[in-house]
Amino acid sequence: MRRMSAYAERMDDVIGWLQVMLAVTLGPCLIVFAIVRSMSTKPVEVKYRGAGGGLGGAFDAIWMPSAHEAGMERDRQSERTAPAPSSGDPSSRIQGDRIILDL
């Protein structure tokens, strides 16, 4: 049986630790990248949609009622429907996946 040199044993240890560090850091990096990517491609209306303004909604309602009320008003205004066009108005324009109403 042939014995490895001290240098080869140290290199095996270094390579082993590098593999462990890569495995430990790659998972969280991919998760953070996926979250940032998914949040940056969504429209603003979809990003901040949620009851009570997200995780801090309950805390805003208790410690900052004015911020909670502002969030509720923002939600109410974003859910309003567009007014119906009159009979003499031109039809709406369609651009891609959006319908544009000229008001």
Protein backbone atom coordinates (compact mmCIF):
# COMPACT_ATOMS: atom_id res chain seq x y z
CA MET A 1 0.00 0.00 0.00
CA ARG A 2 1.31 3.37 -0.99
CA ARG A 3 1.13 6.26 1.43
CA MET A 4 0.18 9.78 0.25
CA SER A 5 2.56 12.62 0.83
CA ALA A 6 1.80 15.32 3.38
CA TYR A 7 1.20 17.82 0.57
CA ALA A 8 -1.39 15.58 -1.10
CA GLU A 9 -3.17 15.03 2.21
CA ARG A 10 -3.35 18.78 2.83
CA MET A 11 -4.65 19.38 -0.70
CA ASP A 12 -7.35 16.76 -0.16
CA ASP A 13 -8.39 18.58 3.01
CA VAL A 14 -8.45 21.95 1.23
CA ILE A 15 -10.47 20.61 -1.68
CA GLY A 16 -12.88 18.93 0.73
CA TRP A 17 -13.44 22.14 2.69
CA LEU A 18 -13.93 24.12 -0.53
CA GLN A 19 -16.62 21.67 -1.62
CA VAL A 20 -18.37 21.96 1.74
CA MET A 21 -18.25 25.79 1.60
CA LEU A 22 -19.58 25.78 -1.95
CA ALA A 23 -22.47 23.50 -1.01
CA VAL A 24 -23.34 25.60 2.06
CA THR A 25 -23.25 28.99 0.29
CA LEU A 26 -24.74 28.05 -3.07
CA GLY A 27 -28.21 27.20 -1.71
CA PRO A 28 -28.90 30.51 0.07
CA CYS A 29 -27.42 32.49 -2.83
CA LEU A 30 -29.78 30.79 -5.28
CA ILE A 31 -32.75 31.41 -2.99
CA VAL A 32 -31.92 35.12 -2.63
CA PHE A 33 -31.40 35.43 -6.38
CA ALA A 34 -34.75 33.78 -7.09
CA ILE A 35 -36.58 36.09 -4.66
CA VAL A 36 -34.98 39.24 -6.06
CA ARG A 37 -35.65 38.12 -9.62
CA SER A 38 -39.28 37.28 -8.99
CA MET A 39 -39.98 40.53 -7.16
CA SER A 40 -38.27 42.75 -9.71
CA THR A 41 -40.23 41.45 -12.71
CA LYS A 42 -43.68 41.83 -11.16
CA PRO A 43 -45.71 45.01 -11.66
CA VAL A 44 -46.04 47.30 -8.66
CA GLU A 45 -49.73 46.44 -8.29
CA VAL A 46 -48.86 42.78 -7.81
CA LYS A 47 -45.75 43.32 -5.64
CA TYR A 48 -47.52 45.14 -2.85
CA ARG A 49 -50.89 43.40 -3.01
CA GLY A 50 -51.95 41.89 0.26
CA ALA A 51 -54.24 42.32 3.18
CA GLY A 52 -53.01 44.88 5.67
CA GLY A 53 -49.84 45.81 3.80
CA GLY A 54 -47.84 42.63 4.27
CA LEU A 55 -46.01 41.40 7.35
CA GLY A 56 -45.96 44.76 9.10
CA GLY A 57 -49.68 45.44 8.67
CA ALA A 58 -50.64 44.27 12.14
CA PHE A 59 -47.85 46.29 13.74
CA ASP A 60 -48.85 49.38 11.76
CA ALA A 61 -52.42 49.04 12.97
CA ILE A 62 -51.25 49.03 16.59
CA TRP A 63 -48.28 51.41 16.72
CA MET A 64 -48.78 53.59 13.64
CA PRO A 65 -52.51 53.93 12.92
CA SER A 66 -51.94 56.69 10.37
CA ALA A 67 -49.68 54.41 8.29
CA HIS A 68 -52.26 51.63 8.53
CA GLU A 69 -55.03 53.98 7.39
CA ALA A 70 -52.87 55.19 4.49
CA GLY A 71 -52.30 51.57 3.45
CA MET A 72 -56.02 50.84 3.61
CA GLU A 73 -56.75 53.91 1.46
CA ARG A 74 -54.09 52.83 -1.05
CA ASP A 75 -55.72 49.41 -1.27
CA ARG A 76 -59.17 50.96 -1.76
CA GLN A 77 -57.96 53.26 -4.53
CA SER A 78 -56.08 50.52 -6.36
CA GLU A 79 -59.19 48.33 -6.45
CA ARG A 80 -61.48 50.95 -8.00
CA THR A 81 -62.95 50.14 -11.39
CA ALA A 82 -62.49 52.36 -14.42
CA PRO A 83 -65.52 54.41 -15.45
CA ALA A 84 -67.59 53.03 -18.31
CA PRO A 85 -67.17 54.91 -21.61
CA SER A 86 -70.05 56.91 -23.02
CA SER A 87 -71.78 55.79 -26.20
CA GLY A 88 -70.04 58.46 -28.32
CA ASP A 89 -66.53 57.74 -27.06
CA PRO A 90 -64.04 55.92 -29.27
CA SER A 91 -63.26 52.36 -28.32
CA SER A 92 -60.34 51.58 -26.08
CA ARG A 93 -56.88 50.76 -27.37
CA ILE A 94 -55.25 47.40 -26.79
CA GLN A 95 -51.46 47.37 -26.49
CA GLY A 96 -49.99 43.97 -25.80
CA ASP A 97 -51.79 42.55 -22.77
CA ARG A 98 -53.14 45.91 -21.56
CA ILE A 99 -56.39 47.69 -22.38
CA ILE A 100 -55.93 51.47 -22.34
CA LEU A 101 -58.96 53.66 -21.66
CA ASP A 102 -58.66 57.26 -22.75
CA LEU A 103 -60.27 59.34 -20.02
